[in-house]
Amino acid sequence: MQEEFVEAVLSAVELIPPGQVASYGDIADYVGSGGPRQVGSVMSHYGAAVCWWRVVRADGRPADGLTERALEHLASEGAPLRGDRVIMADARWTGPSTLRT
């Protein structure tokens, strides 16, 4: 995996504000390369130092094996949840223009 792609993905994840999320595909679209699986690979290997819980599947579910921890983080940040999913229509981050000031 190219270092530039890894850095681009991690930098994009760091931009996601508390209470918002992006899907793996959203991050791939934002960085302009790769796809959801490649972003997932970056997150699984290098994502521990960033707000990994803010990256979810397109249906709003956190990554397998991390669901409980992710939901705890998301709930504490005020992300809209329904059961074990983030309500994507209300929480999806679409880029820097949605940053809260």
N, C-alpha and C. Protein backbone atom coordinates (compact mmCIF):
# COMPACT_ATOMS: atom_id res chain seq x y z
N MET A 1 0.84 -1.17 0.00
CA MET A 1 0.00 0.00 0.00
C MET A 1 0.89 1.24 0.00
N GLN A 2 0.55 2.19 -0.83
CA GLN A 2 1.38 3.38 -0.95
C GLN A 2 1.24 4.30 0.25
N GLU A 3 2.36 4.81 0.70
CA GLU A 3 2.39 5.68 1.88
C GLU A 3 1.53 6.92 1.68
N GLU A 4 1.49 7.45 0.45
CA GLU A 4 0.69 8.65 0.19
C GLU A 4 -0.80 8.39 0.41
N PHE A 5 -1.25 7.19 0.01
CA PHE A 5 -2.66 6.83 0.20
C PHE A 5 -2.96 6.68 1.69
N VAL A 6 -2.08 6.01 2.41
CA VAL A 6 -2.27 5.83 3.85
C VAL A 6 -2.38 7.20 4.52
N GLU A 7 -1.46 8.09 4.21
CA GLU A 7 -1.47 9.43 4.82
C GLU A 7 -2.72 10.21 4.44
N ALA A 8 -3.15 10.09 3.19
CA ALA A 8 -4.36 10.80 2.75
C ALA A 8 -5.59 10.30 3.50
N VAL A 9 -5.70 8.99 3.67
CA VAL A 9 -6.84 8.42 4.39
C VAL A 9 -6.83 8.88 5.84
N LEU A 10 -5.70 8.76 6.51
CA LEU A 10 -5.63 9.14 7.92
C LEU A 10 -5.89 10.63 8.11
N SER A 11 -5.39 11.44 7.19
CA SER A 11 -5.64 12.89 7.27
C SER A 11 -7.12 13.21 7.09
N ALA A 12 -7.77 12.51 6.18
CA ALA A 12 -9.21 12.73 5.97
C ALA A 12 -10.00 12.33 7.21
N VAL A 13 -9.66 11.21 7.81
CA VAL A 13 -10.37 10.75 9.00
C VAL A 13 -10.22 11.76 10.14
N GLU A 14 -9.05 12.35 10.26
CA GLU A 14 -8.83 13.35 11.31
C GLU A 14 -9.71 14.59 11.15
N LEU A 15 -10.21 14.82 9.95
CA LEU A 15 -11.07 15.99 9.70
C LEU A 15 -12.52 15.78 10.12
N ILE A 16 -12.93 14.53 10.32
CA ILE A 16 -14.33 14.25 10.65
C ILE A 16 -14.62 14.79 12.05
N PRO A 17 -15.58 15.71 12.16
CA PRO A 17 -15.88 16.29 13.47
C PRO A 17 -16.58 15.30 14.41
N PRO A 18 -16.47 15.53 15.72
CA PRO A 18 -17.20 14.70 16.68
C PRO A 18 -18.70 14.70 16.36
N GLY A 19 -19.31 13.53 16.48
CA GLY A 19 -20.74 13.40 16.23
C GLY A 19 -21.10 13.15 14.78
N GLN A 20 -20.10 13.18 13.90
CA GLN A 20 -20.32 12.89 12.49
C GLN A 20 -19.51 11.66 12.10
N VAL A 21 -19.87 11.05 10.98
CA VAL A 21 -19.18 9.87 10.48
C VAL A 21 -19.03 9.96 8.97
N ALA A 22 -18.16 9.11 8.46
CA ALA A 22 -18.01 8.91 7.01
C ALA A 22 -17.93 7.41 6.77
N SER A 23 -18.43 6.98 5.64
CA SER A 23 -18.29 5.57 5.29
C SER A 23 -16.91 5.35 4.67
N TYR A 24 -16.52 4.10 4.60
CA TYR A 24 -15.24 3.78 3.97
C TYR A 24 -15.22 4.30 2.53
N GLY A 25 -16.33 4.16 1.83
CA GLY A 25 -16.43 4.67 0.47
C GLY A 25 -16.37 6.18 0.40
N ASP A 26 -16.97 6.85 1.39
CA ASP A 26 -16.90 8.32 1.44
C ASP A 26 -15.44 8.77 1.53
N ILE A 27 -14.67 8.10 2.36
CA ILE A 27 -13.26 8.47 2.52
C ILE A 27 -12.50 8.23 1.22
N ALA A 28 -12.76 7.11 0.55
CA ALA A 28 -12.10 6.84 -0.74
C ALA A 28 -12.45 7.93 -1.75
N ASP A 29 -13.72 8.32 -1.80
CA ASP A 29 -14.13 9.39 -2.70
C ASP A 29 -13.44 10.70 -2.34
N TYR A 30 -13.36 10.99 -1.06
CA TYR A 30 -12.75 12.24 -0.60
C TYR A 30 -11.28 12.32 -0.98
N VAL A 31 -10.54 11.21 -0.79
CA VAL A 31 -9.10 11.24 -1.12
C VAL A 31 -8.85 11.07 -2.61
N GLY A 32 -9.86 10.61 -3.34
CA GLY A 32 -9.74 10.53 -4.79
C GLY A 32 -9.06 9.29 -5.33
N SER A 33 -8.93 8.26 -4.51
CA SER A 33 -8.36 7.01 -5.00
C SER A 33 -8.75 5.88 -4.08
N GLY A 34 -8.49 4.66 -4.55
CA GLY A 34 -8.83 3.48 -3.77
C GLY A 34 -10.33 3.27 -3.71
N GLY A 35 -10.74 2.41 -2.82
CA GLY A 35 -12.14 2.10 -2.63
C GLY A 35 -12.37 1.76 -1.17
N PRO A 36 -13.59 1.36 -0.83
CA PRO A 36 -13.90 1.05 0.56
C PRO A 36 -12.98 0.00 1.18
N ARG A 37 -12.64 -1.03 0.45
CA ARG A 37 -11.78 -2.08 1.01
C ARG A 37 -10.37 -1.58 1.29
N GLN A 38 -9.87 -0.73 0.40
CA GLN A 38 -8.54 -0.18 0.61
C GLN A 38 -8.53 0.75 1.83
N VAL A 39 -9.58 1.55 1.98
CA VAL A 39 -9.69 2.41 3.16
C VAL A 39 -9.79 1.55 4.42
N GLY A 40 -10.58 0.49 4.36
CA GLY A 40 -10.69 -0.42 5.49
C GLY A 40 -9.35 -1.03 5.86
N SER A 41 -8.56 -1.37 4.87
CA SER A 41 -7.24 -1.93 5.13
C SER A 41 -6.34 -0.91 5.83
N VAL A 42 -6.38 0.32 5.35
CA VAL A 42 -5.61 1.38 6.01
C VAL A 42 -6.05 1.52 7.46
N MET A 43 -7.35 1.57 7.67
CA MET A 43 -7.86 1.76 9.02
C MET A 43 -7.49 0.60 9.93
N SER A 44 -7.53 -0.62 9.42
CA SER A 44 -7.22 -1.77 10.27
C SER A 44 -5.74 -1.84 10.61
N HIS A 45 -4.88 -1.35 9.73
CA HIS A 45 -3.44 -1.43 9.98
C HIS A 45 -2.86 -0.18 10.63
N TYR A 46 -3.43 0.99 10.33
CA TYR A 46 -2.81 2.25 10.76
C TYR A 46 -3.77 3.19 11.50
N GLY A 47 -5.02 2.82 11.65
CA GLY A 47 -6.03 3.76 12.14
C GLY A 47 -6.14 3.93 13.64
N ALA A 48 -5.36 3.23 14.43
CA ALA A 48 -5.50 3.31 15.89
C ALA A 48 -5.24 4.70 16.44
N ALA A 49 -4.44 5.50 15.76
CA ALA A 49 -4.07 6.82 16.29
C ALA A 49 -5.04 7.92 15.88
N VAL A 50 -6.02 7.60 15.05
CA VAL A 50 -7.01 8.59 14.64
C VAL A 50 -8.38 8.18 15.16
N CYS A 51 -9.39 9.00 14.92
CA CYS A 51 -10.75 8.73 15.41
C CYS A 51 -11.42 7.66 14.54
N TRP A 52 -10.92 6.45 14.65
CA TRP A 52 -11.35 5.31 13.82
C TRP A 52 -12.83 5.03 13.92
N TRP A 53 -13.45 5.33 15.07
CA TRP A 53 -14.87 5.04 15.28
C TRP A 53 -15.77 5.91 14.41
N ARG A 54 -15.24 6.96 13.82
CA ARG A 54 -16.03 7.84 12.95
C ARG A 54 -16.08 7.35 11.51
N VAL A 55 -15.45 6.22 11.23
CA VAL A 55 -15.51 5.61 9.90
C VAL A 55 -16.33 4.32 10.04
N VAL A 56 -17.43 4.27 9.31
CA VAL A 56 -18.38 3.16 9.43
C VAL A 56 -18.71 2.61 8.05
N ARG A 57 -19.45 1.51 8.04
CA ARG A 57 -19.95 0.97 6.78
C ARG A 57 -21.01 1.92 6.22
N ALA A 58 -21.32 1.74 4.97
CA ALA A 58 -22.31 2.61 4.31
C ALA A 58 -23.68 2.55 4.97
N ASP A 59 -23.97 1.44 5.64
CA ASP A 59 -25.28 1.32 6.32
C ASP A 59 -25.23 1.85 7.76
N GLY A 60 -24.10 2.42 8.17
CA GLY A 60 -23.99 3.02 9.49
C GLY A 60 -23.45 2.12 10.58
N ARG A 61 -23.14 0.86 10.24
CA ARG A 61 -22.62 -0.06 11.25
C ARG A 61 -21.10 0.09 11.39
N PRO A 62 -20.59 0.09 12.62
CA PRO A 62 -19.14 0.11 12.83
C PRO A 62 -18.50 -1.20 12.39
N ALA A 63 -17.19 -1.19 12.31
CA ALA A 63 -16.43 -2.37 11.91
C ALA A 63 -16.67 -3.54 12.85
N ASP A 64 -16.68 -4.74 12.30
CA ASP A 64 -16.81 -5.95 13.11
C ASP A 64 -15.71 -5.99 14.16
N GLY A 65 -16.07 -6.45 15.33
CA GLY A 65 -15.11 -6.57 16.42
C GLY A 65 -14.89 -5.30 17.20
N LEU A 66 -15.36 -4.18 16.67
CA LEU A 66 -15.18 -2.89 17.33
C LEU A 66 -16.50 -2.20 17.60
N THR A 67 -17.59 -2.90 17.36
CA THR A 67 -18.92 -2.29 17.42
C THR A 67 -19.19 -1.63 18.77
N GLU A 68 -19.01 -2.35 19.84
CA GLU A 68 -19.35 -1.82 21.16
C GLU A 68 -18.52 -0.58 21.50
N ARG A 69 -17.21 -0.66 21.29
CA ARG A 69 -16.33 0.49 21.57
C ARG A 69 -16.67 1.67 20.68
N ALA A 70 -16.91 1.41 19.41
CA ALA A 70 -17.25 2.49 18.49
C ALA A 70 -18.55 3.17 18.88
N LEU A 71 -19.56 2.38 19.21
CA LEU A 71 -20.85 2.95 19.59
C LEU A 71 -20.75 3.78 20.87
N GLU A 72 -19.90 3.35 21.80
CA GLU A 72 -19.68 4.13 23.01
C GLU A 72 -19.08 5.49 22.67
N HIS A 73 -18.06 5.49 21.83
CA HIS A 73 -17.45 6.76 21.40
C HIS A 73 -18.47 7.64 20.70
N LEU A 74 -19.19 7.06 19.75
CA LEU A 74 -20.16 7.83 18.96
C LEU A 74 -21.27 8.39 19.84
N ALA A 75 -21.77 7.61 20.76
CA ALA A 75 -22.82 8.09 21.67
C ALA A 75 -22.30 9.23 22.52
N SER A 76 -21.08 9.13 23.01
CA SER A 76 -20.52 10.19 23.84
C SER A 76 -20.32 11.48 23.07
N GLU A 77 -20.16 11.37 21.75
CA GLU A 77 -20.00 12.56 20.90
C GLU A 77 -21.33 13.12 20.41
N GLY A 78 -22.43 12.42 20.71
CA GLY A 78 -23.74 12.89 20.30
C GLY A 78 -24.15 12.49 18.89
N ALA A 79 -23.50 11.48 18.33
CA ALA A 79 -23.90 11.01 17.00
C ALA A 79 -25.30 10.39 17.09
N PRO A 80 -26.13 10.63 16.09
CA PRO A 80 -27.47 10.03 16.11
C PRO A 80 -27.39 8.53 15.83
N LEU A 81 -27.90 7.74 16.77
CA LEU A 81 -27.84 6.29 16.66
C LEU A 81 -29.23 5.69 16.68
N ARG A 82 -29.35 4.58 16.00
CA ARG A 82 -30.56 3.75 16.05
C ARG A 82 -30.07 2.32 16.21
N GLY A 83 -30.18 1.81 17.43
CA GLY A 83 -29.65 0.48 17.70
C GLY A 83 -28.15 0.47 17.57
N ASP A 84 -27.63 -0.43 16.73
CA ASP A 84 -26.19 -0.55 16.55
C ASP A 84 -25.69 0.15 15.29
N ARG A 85 -26.43 1.18 14.85
CA ARG A 85 -26.07 1.90 13.63
C ARG A 85 -26.14 3.40 13.84
N VAL A 86 -25.31 4.09 13.10
CA VAL A 86 -25.40 5.54 13.02
C VAL A 86 -26.45 5.88 11.98
N ILE A 87 -27.25 6.88 12.24
CA ILE A 87 -28.23 7.33 11.24
C ILE A 87 -27.46 8.18 10.23
N MET A 88 -27.12 7.56 9.11
CA MET A 88 -26.24 8.20 8.12
C MET A 88 -26.82 9.49 7.56
N ALA A 89 -28.12 9.54 7.37
CA ALA A 89 -28.74 10.74 6.81
C ALA A 89 -28.52 11.96 7.70
N ASP A 90 -28.35 11.73 8.99
CA ASP A 90 -28.18 12.83 9.94
C ASP A 90 -26.73 13.08 10.32
N ALA A 91 -25.87 12.07 10.18
CA ALA A 91 -24.51 12.17 10.71
C ALA A 91 -23.41 12.16 9.65
N ARG A 92 -23.76 11.97 8.38
CA ARG A 92 -22.72 11.82 7.36
C ARG A 92 -21.94 13.11 7.15
N TRP A 93 -20.63 13.00 7.25
CA TRP A 93 -19.71 14.10 6.98
C TRP A 93 -19.47 14.15 5.48
N THR A 94 -19.53 15.32 4.90
CA THR A 94 -19.35 15.42 3.45
C THR A 94 -18.11 16.22 3.07
N GLY A 95 -17.29 16.53 4.01
CA GLY A 95 -16.05 17.24 3.72
C GLY A 95 -15.87 18.45 4.61
N PRO A 96 -14.77 19.14 4.43
CA PRO A 96 -14.43 20.26 5.30
C PRO A 96 -15.49 21.35 5.41
N SER A 97 -16.34 21.51 4.41
CA SER A 97 -17.35 22.57 4.48
C SER A 97 -18.36 22.31 5.58
N THR A 98 -18.41 21.08 6.12
CA THR A 98 -19.36 20.77 7.18
C THR A 98 -18.72 20.89 8.57
N LEU A 99 -17.47 21.34 8.62
CA LEU A 99 -16.84 21.47 9.93
C LEU A 99 -17.57 22.49 10.78
N ARG A 100 -17.76 22.15 12.03
CA ARG A 100 -18.44 23.06 12.94
C ARG A 100 -17.42 24.05 13.51
N THR A 101 -17.85 25.28 13.68
CA THR A 101 -16.93 26.27 14.25
C THR A 101 -17.40 26.70 15.62
